[in-house]
């Protein structure tokens, strides 16, 4: 079994040579910005979450996600990244690329069309 330092070295090599984005944390503000720029409409809850619904060509689709209002969630870790990716019909890698603007709104729409979520 590889030691932690070996895993770290392998991950660094993957990032350097393959352009793979390591799964770690993303800033909540960056996620909110990417969502609202790429077709998600924000619905604020008076309770504890911000809700986002995907709108395309004037139609709301059942593609939704949410983020906590809480200040303890300034950074989103792997479990929340995985959950939001699933809610948005993306892999974790695609979600990170979406947040980092490597996937545009048109690119996201294309992914959704390819998997049959929108027409």
N, C-alpha and C. Protein backbone atom coordinates (compact mmCIF):
# COMPACT_ATOMS: atom_id res chain seq x y z
N UNK A 1 0.85 -1.19 0.00
CA UNK A 1 0.00 0.00 0.00
C UNK A 1 0.88 1.24 0.00
N UNK A 2 0.51 2.22 -0.78
CA UNK A 2 1.30 3.44 -0.90
C UNK A 2 1.10 4.32 0.32
N UNK A 3 2.14 5.01 0.70
CA UNK A 3 2.03 5.95 1.82
C UNK A 3 1.37 7.22 1.34
N UNK A 4 0.97 8.03 2.31
CA UNK A 4 0.30 9.29 1.95
C UNK A 4 1.20 10.14 1.07
N UNK A 5 2.47 10.19 1.36
CA UNK A 5 3.36 11.02 0.56
C UNK A 5 3.43 10.52 -0.88
N UNK A 6 3.31 9.21 -1.09
CA UNK A 6 3.29 8.67 -2.45
C UNK A 6 2.03 9.10 -3.18
N UNK A 7 0.89 9.07 -2.49
CA UNK A 7 -0.35 9.54 -3.09
C UNK A 7 -0.26 11.02 -3.44
N UNK A 8 0.30 11.81 -2.55
CA UNK A 8 0.47 13.24 -2.81
C UNK A 8 1.34 13.46 -4.05
N UNK A 9 2.42 12.69 -4.15
CA UNK A 9 3.33 12.82 -5.29
C UNK A 9 2.61 12.45 -6.58
N UNK A 10 1.84 11.37 -6.56
CA UNK A 10 1.10 10.93 -7.75
C UNK A 10 0.08 11.99 -8.15
N UNK A 11 -0.64 12.54 -7.17
CA UNK A 11 -1.63 13.58 -7.48
C UNK A 11 -0.95 14.80 -8.10
N UNK A 12 0.18 15.21 -7.55
CA UNK A 12 0.90 16.35 -8.10
C UNK A 12 1.34 16.08 -9.53
N UNK A 13 1.80 14.86 -9.81
CA UNK A 13 2.21 14.50 -11.17
C UNK A 13 1.01 14.54 -12.12
N UNK A 14 -0.14 14.03 -11.66
CA UNK A 14 -1.34 14.06 -12.49
C UNK A 14 -1.74 15.49 -12.82
N UNK A 15 -1.68 16.36 -11.83
CA UNK A 15 -2.04 17.76 -12.05
C UNK A 15 -1.06 18.39 -13.03
N UNK A 16 0.21 18.16 -12.83
CA UNK A 16 1.25 18.78 -13.66
C UNK A 16 1.22 18.26 -15.09
N UNK A 17 1.10 16.95 -15.28
CA UNK A 17 1.24 16.36 -16.61
C UNK A 17 -0.08 16.13 -17.33
N UNK A 18 -1.15 15.90 -16.60
CA UNK A 18 -2.41 15.57 -17.24
C UNK A 18 -3.43 16.69 -17.14
N UNK A 19 -3.13 17.72 -16.37
CA UNK A 19 -4.07 18.81 -16.20
C UNK A 19 -5.27 18.43 -15.35
N UNK A 20 -5.15 17.36 -14.56
CA UNK A 20 -6.24 16.91 -13.71
C UNK A 20 -6.37 17.86 -12.53
N UNK A 21 -7.59 18.24 -12.23
CA UNK A 21 -7.85 19.12 -11.10
C UNK A 21 -8.01 18.24 -9.86
N UNK A 22 -7.19 18.45 -8.83
CA UNK A 22 -7.35 17.62 -7.64
C UNK A 22 -8.66 17.94 -6.93
N UNK A 23 -9.30 16.93 -6.39
CA UNK A 23 -10.52 17.16 -5.65
C UNK A 23 -10.15 17.61 -4.25
N UNK A 24 -10.46 18.81 -3.93
CA UNK A 24 -10.15 19.30 -2.60
C UNK A 24 -11.26 20.22 -2.15
N UNK A 25 -11.09 21.52 -2.35
CA UNK A 25 -12.09 22.48 -1.92
C UNK A 25 -12.29 23.54 -2.99
N UNK A 26 -13.48 24.10 -3.00
CA UNK A 26 -13.76 25.25 -3.85
C UNK A 26 -14.44 26.31 -2.99
N UNK A 27 -14.25 27.53 -3.34
CA UNK A 27 -14.86 28.64 -2.61
C UNK A 27 -16.35 28.72 -2.94
N UNK A 28 -17.15 28.87 -1.91
CA UNK A 28 -18.60 28.98 -2.10
C UNK A 28 -18.93 30.14 -3.04
N UNK A 29 -18.25 31.25 -2.88
CA UNK A 29 -18.53 32.42 -3.72
C UNK A 29 -18.25 32.13 -5.19
N UNK A 30 -17.24 31.30 -5.48
CA UNK A 30 -16.94 30.94 -6.87
C UNK A 30 -18.02 30.03 -7.44
N UNK A 31 -18.55 29.14 -6.62
CA UNK A 31 -19.63 28.25 -7.06
C UNK A 31 -20.88 29.07 -7.37
N UNK A 32 -21.23 29.98 -6.48
CA UNK A 32 -22.41 30.83 -6.69
C UNK A 32 -22.25 31.65 -7.97
N UNK A 33 -21.09 32.21 -8.16
CA UNK A 33 -20.83 33.01 -9.36
C UNK A 33 -20.98 32.18 -10.63
N UNK A 34 -20.38 30.98 -10.64
CA UNK A 34 -20.47 30.12 -11.82
C UNK A 34 -21.91 29.71 -12.10
N UNK A 35 -22.65 29.36 -11.06
CA UNK A 35 -24.04 28.95 -11.23
C UNK A 35 -24.88 30.07 -11.86
N UNK A 36 -24.76 31.26 -11.30
CA UNK A 36 -25.61 32.36 -11.78
C UNK A 36 -25.20 32.85 -13.16
N UNK A 37 -23.95 32.67 -13.55
CA UNK A 37 -23.51 33.07 -14.89
C UNK A 37 -23.87 32.05 -15.96
N UNK A 38 -24.20 30.83 -15.53
CA UNK A 38 -24.39 29.74 -16.50
C UNK A 38 -25.79 29.15 -16.47
N UNK A 39 -26.77 30.00 -16.17
CA UNK A 39 -28.15 29.57 -16.35
C UNK A 39 -28.92 29.19 -15.11
N UNK A 40 -28.32 29.27 -13.94
CA UNK A 40 -29.04 28.94 -12.72
C UNK A 40 -29.61 30.22 -12.10
N UNK A 41 -30.86 30.15 -11.72
CA UNK A 41 -31.50 31.28 -11.04
C UNK A 41 -31.47 31.02 -9.55
N UNK A 42 -31.06 32.03 -8.80
CA UNK A 42 -30.95 31.91 -7.35
C UNK A 42 -32.27 32.24 -6.68
N UNK A 43 -32.66 31.37 -5.77
CA UNK A 43 -33.83 31.59 -4.92
C UNK A 43 -33.33 31.57 -3.49
N UNK A 44 -33.45 32.70 -2.82
CA UNK A 44 -33.00 32.76 -1.43
C UNK A 44 -34.09 32.24 -0.51
N UNK A 45 -33.66 31.47 0.42
CA UNK A 45 -34.56 30.95 1.44
C UNK A 45 -34.38 31.80 2.69
N UNK A 46 -35.44 32.04 3.40
CA UNK A 46 -35.31 32.79 4.65
C UNK A 46 -34.73 31.89 5.73
N UNK A 47 -34.55 30.65 5.38
CA UNK A 47 -34.03 29.70 6.37
C UNK A 47 -32.51 29.59 6.25
N UNK A 48 -32.03 28.49 5.74
CA UNK A 48 -30.60 28.24 5.83
C UNK A 48 -29.89 27.93 4.52
N UNK A 49 -30.55 28.05 3.39
CA UNK A 49 -29.91 27.70 2.12
C UNK A 49 -30.23 28.69 1.01
N UNK A 50 -29.33 28.73 0.03
CA UNK A 50 -29.59 29.38 -1.25
C UNK A 50 -29.93 28.25 -2.22
N UNK A 51 -31.00 28.40 -2.96
CA UNK A 51 -31.42 27.38 -3.92
C UNK A 51 -31.17 27.89 -5.33
N UNK A 52 -30.77 27.00 -6.22
CA UNK A 52 -30.48 27.34 -7.61
C UNK A 52 -31.22 26.38 -8.52
N UNK A 53 -31.98 26.94 -9.48
CA UNK A 53 -32.74 26.16 -10.45
C UNK A 53 -32.22 26.50 -11.83
N UNK A 54 -32.05 25.48 -12.68
CA UNK A 54 -31.52 25.70 -14.03
C UNK A 54 -32.62 26.16 -14.97
N UNK A 55 -32.36 27.28 -15.67
CA UNK A 55 -33.29 27.85 -16.64
C UNK A 55 -32.58 27.86 -18.00
N UNK A 56 -33.25 27.33 -19.02
CA UNK A 56 -32.69 27.33 -20.38
C UNK A 56 -33.79 27.67 -21.36
N UNK A 57 -33.54 28.68 -22.18
CA UNK A 57 -34.50 29.16 -23.17
C UNK A 57 -35.86 29.43 -22.54
N UNK A 58 -35.84 30.07 -21.37
CA UNK A 58 -37.05 30.47 -20.69
C UNK A 58 -37.79 29.38 -19.94
N UNK A 59 -37.26 28.18 -19.97
CA UNK A 59 -37.93 27.06 -19.30
C UNK A 59 -37.10 26.60 -18.10
N UNK A 60 -37.78 26.35 -16.98
CA UNK A 60 -37.10 25.84 -15.79
C UNK A 60 -37.07 24.32 -15.85
N UNK A 61 -35.89 23.75 -15.70
CA UNK A 61 -35.71 22.30 -15.73
C UNK A 61 -35.54 21.78 -14.30
N UNK A 62 -35.81 20.51 -14.07
CA UNK A 62 -35.69 19.96 -12.72
C UNK A 62 -34.23 19.65 -12.34
N UNK A 63 -33.36 20.58 -12.64
CA UNK A 63 -31.94 20.46 -12.29
C UNK A 63 -31.71 21.54 -11.24
N UNK A 64 -31.50 21.09 -10.02
CA UNK A 64 -31.44 22.02 -8.89
C UNK A 64 -30.33 21.63 -7.95
N UNK A 65 -29.84 22.65 -7.26
CA UNK A 65 -28.86 22.42 -6.22
C UNK A 65 -29.04 23.49 -5.16
N UNK A 66 -28.34 23.35 -4.06
CA UNK A 66 -28.44 24.33 -2.99
C UNK A 66 -27.11 24.46 -2.27
N UNK A 67 -26.95 25.61 -1.61
CA UNK A 67 -25.74 25.90 -0.85
C UNK A 67 -26.18 26.51 0.48
N UNK A 68 -25.51 26.15 1.54
CA UNK A 68 -25.84 26.68 2.85
C UNK A 68 -25.49 28.16 2.96
N UNK A 69 -26.34 28.90 3.67
CA UNK A 69 -26.04 30.30 4.00
C UNK A 69 -24.92 30.38 5.04
N UNK A 70 -24.77 29.34 5.82
CA UNK A 70 -23.88 29.37 6.98
C UNK A 70 -22.46 29.78 6.67
N UNK A 71 -21.88 30.58 7.54
CA UNK A 71 -20.50 31.04 7.36
C UNK A 71 -19.49 29.91 7.50
N UNK A 72 -19.90 28.80 8.08
CA UNK A 72 -19.02 27.65 8.20
C UNK A 72 -18.79 26.93 6.89
N UNK A 73 -19.45 27.39 5.84
CA UNK A 73 -19.33 26.74 4.54
C UNK A 73 -18.74 27.68 3.49
N UNK A 74 -17.71 28.45 3.86
CA UNK A 74 -17.04 29.34 2.90
C UNK A 74 -16.33 28.52 1.83
N UNK A 75 -15.82 27.36 2.22
CA UNK A 75 -15.20 26.42 1.29
C UNK A 75 -16.04 25.15 1.26
N UNK A 76 -16.24 24.61 0.07
CA UNK A 76 -16.99 23.37 -0.08
C UNK A 76 -16.00 22.23 -0.29
N UNK A 77 -16.08 21.20 0.52
CA UNK A 77 -15.17 20.07 0.42
C UNK A 77 -15.72 18.96 -0.46
N UNK A 78 -14.98 17.86 -0.50
CA UNK A 78 -15.32 16.74 -1.38
C UNK A 78 -16.75 16.23 -1.26
N UNK A 79 -17.29 16.04 -0.05
CA UNK A 79 -18.66 15.51 0.02
C UNK A 79 -19.69 16.45 -0.63
N UNK A 80 -19.56 17.75 -0.40
CA UNK A 80 -20.51 18.70 -1.02
C UNK A 80 -20.26 18.85 -2.51
N UNK A 81 -19.00 18.79 -2.92
CA UNK A 81 -18.68 18.83 -4.35
C UNK A 81 -19.35 17.65 -5.05
N UNK A 82 -19.22 16.47 -4.48
CA UNK A 82 -19.82 15.26 -5.08
C UNK A 82 -21.34 15.38 -5.14
N UNK A 83 -21.96 15.88 -4.06
CA UNK A 83 -23.40 16.00 -4.03
C UNK A 83 -23.90 17.02 -5.05
N UNK A 84 -23.27 18.17 -5.11
CA UNK A 84 -23.69 19.20 -6.06
C UNK A 84 -23.47 18.73 -7.50
N UNK A 85 -22.37 18.05 -7.75
CA UNK A 85 -22.10 17.52 -9.09
C UNK A 85 -23.23 16.58 -9.51
N UNK A 86 -23.62 15.69 -8.62
CA UNK A 86 -24.70 14.74 -8.91
C UNK A 86 -26.01 15.48 -9.19
N UNK A 87 -26.32 16.48 -8.37
CA UNK A 87 -27.55 17.25 -8.56
C UNK A 87 -27.56 17.98 -9.90
N UNK A 88 -26.37 18.38 -10.37
CA UNK A 88 -26.25 19.12 -11.63
C UNK A 88 -26.01 18.21 -12.82
N UNK A 89 -26.03 16.88 -12.60
CA UNK A 89 -25.83 15.89 -13.66
C UNK A 89 -24.41 15.92 -14.22
N UNK A 90 -23.43 16.19 -13.36
CA UNK A 90 -22.03 16.26 -13.77
C UNK A 90 -21.20 15.29 -12.95
N UNK A 91 -20.04 14.94 -13.48
CA UNK A 91 -19.06 14.22 -12.67
C UNK A 91 -18.39 15.24 -11.75
N UNK A 92 -17.66 14.77 -10.76
CA UNK A 92 -16.95 15.71 -9.88
C UNK A 92 -15.95 16.54 -10.68
N UNK A 93 -15.27 15.89 -11.60
CA UNK A 93 -14.30 16.59 -12.45
C UNK A 93 -14.98 17.68 -13.27
N UNK A 94 -16.12 17.35 -13.88
CA UNK A 94 -16.86 18.33 -14.67
C UNK A 94 -17.34 19.48 -13.80
N UNK A 95 -17.79 19.17 -12.59
CA UNK A 95 -18.25 20.22 -11.68
C UNK A 95 -17.12 21.21 -11.39
N UNK A 96 -15.95 20.69 -11.10
CA UNK A 96 -14.81 21.57 -10.82
C UNK A 96 -14.45 22.40 -12.05
N UNK A 97 -14.52 21.80 -13.23
CA UNK A 97 -14.26 22.54 -14.46
C UNK A 97 -15.34 23.60 -14.69
N UNK A 98 -16.57 23.29 -14.35
CA UNK A 98 -17.68 24.24 -14.45
C UNK A 98 -17.41 25.45 -13.56
N UNK A 99 -17.00 25.22 -12.32
CA UNK A 99 -16.73 26.30 -11.37
C UNK A 99 -15.53 27.13 -11.82
N UNK A 100 -14.53 26.48 -12.39
CA UNK A 100 -13.32 27.19 -12.83
C UNK A 100 -13.47 27.78 -14.23
N UNK A 101 -14.67 27.72 -14.78
CA UNK A 101 -15.01 28.29 -16.09
C UNK A 101 -14.31 27.60 -17.26
N UNK A 102 -13.93 26.35 -17.09
CA UNK A 102 -13.42 25.56 -18.22
C UNK A 102 -14.59 24.97 -19.00
N UNK A 103 -15.76 24.93 -18.36
CA UNK A 103 -16.99 24.54 -19.03
C UNK A 103 -17.89 25.77 -19.05
N UNK A 104 -18.25 26.21 -20.24
CA UNK A 104 -19.11 27.39 -20.40
C UNK A 104 -20.58 26.98 -20.23
N UNK A 105 -21.46 27.97 -20.29
CA UNK A 105 -22.89 27.68 -20.25
C UNK A 105 -23.25 26.79 -21.44
N UNK A 106 -22.74 27.12 -22.64
CA UNK A 106 -23.02 26.30 -23.82
C UNK A 106 -22.49 24.88 -23.64
N UNK A 107 -21.32 24.76 -23.03
CA UNK A 107 -20.74 23.45 -22.78
C UNK A 107 -21.59 22.65 -21.81
N UNK A 108 -22.10 23.30 -20.78
CA UNK A 108 -22.98 22.64 -19.81
C UNK A 108 -24.27 22.19 -20.49
N UNK A 109 -24.85 23.06 -21.30
CA UNK A 109 -26.07 22.71 -22.03
C UNK A 109 -25.81 21.50 -22.92
N UNK A 110 -24.67 21.46 -23.58
CA UNK A 110 -24.32 20.34 -24.45
C UNK A 110 -24.24 19.03 -23.65
N UNK A 111 -23.63 19.09 -22.47
CA UNK A 111 -23.56 17.90 -21.60
C UNK A 111 -24.97 17.44 -21.25
N UNK A 112 -25.83 18.37 -20.87
CA UNK A 112 -27.21 18.01 -20.52
C UNK A 112 -27.97 17.43 -21.70
N UNK A 113 -27.73 17.96 -22.89
CA UNK A 113 -28.37 17.42 -24.09
C UNK A 113 -27.87 16.00 -24.38
N UNK A 114 -26.57 15.80 -24.23
CA UNK A 114 -25.99 14.48 -24.52
C UNK A 114 -26.54 13.39 -23.61
N UNK A 115 -26.87 13.74 -22.37
CA UNK A 115 -27.40 12.74 -21.44
C UNK A 115 -28.93 12.74 -21.41
N UNK A 116 -29.55 13.56 -22.28
CA UNK A 116 -30.99 13.54 -22.41
C UNK A 116 -31.77 14.30 -21.35
N UNK A 117 -31.12 15.18 -20.62
CA UNK A 117 -31.81 15.96 -19.59
C UNK A 117 -32.56 17.15 -20.17
N UNK A 118 -32.08 17.68 -21.28
CA UNK A 118 -32.80 18.77 -21.97
C UNK A 118 -32.78 18.48 -23.46
N UNK A 119 -33.67 19.14 -24.18
CA UNK A 119 -33.78 18.91 -25.63
C UNK A 119 -33.17 20.05 -26.40
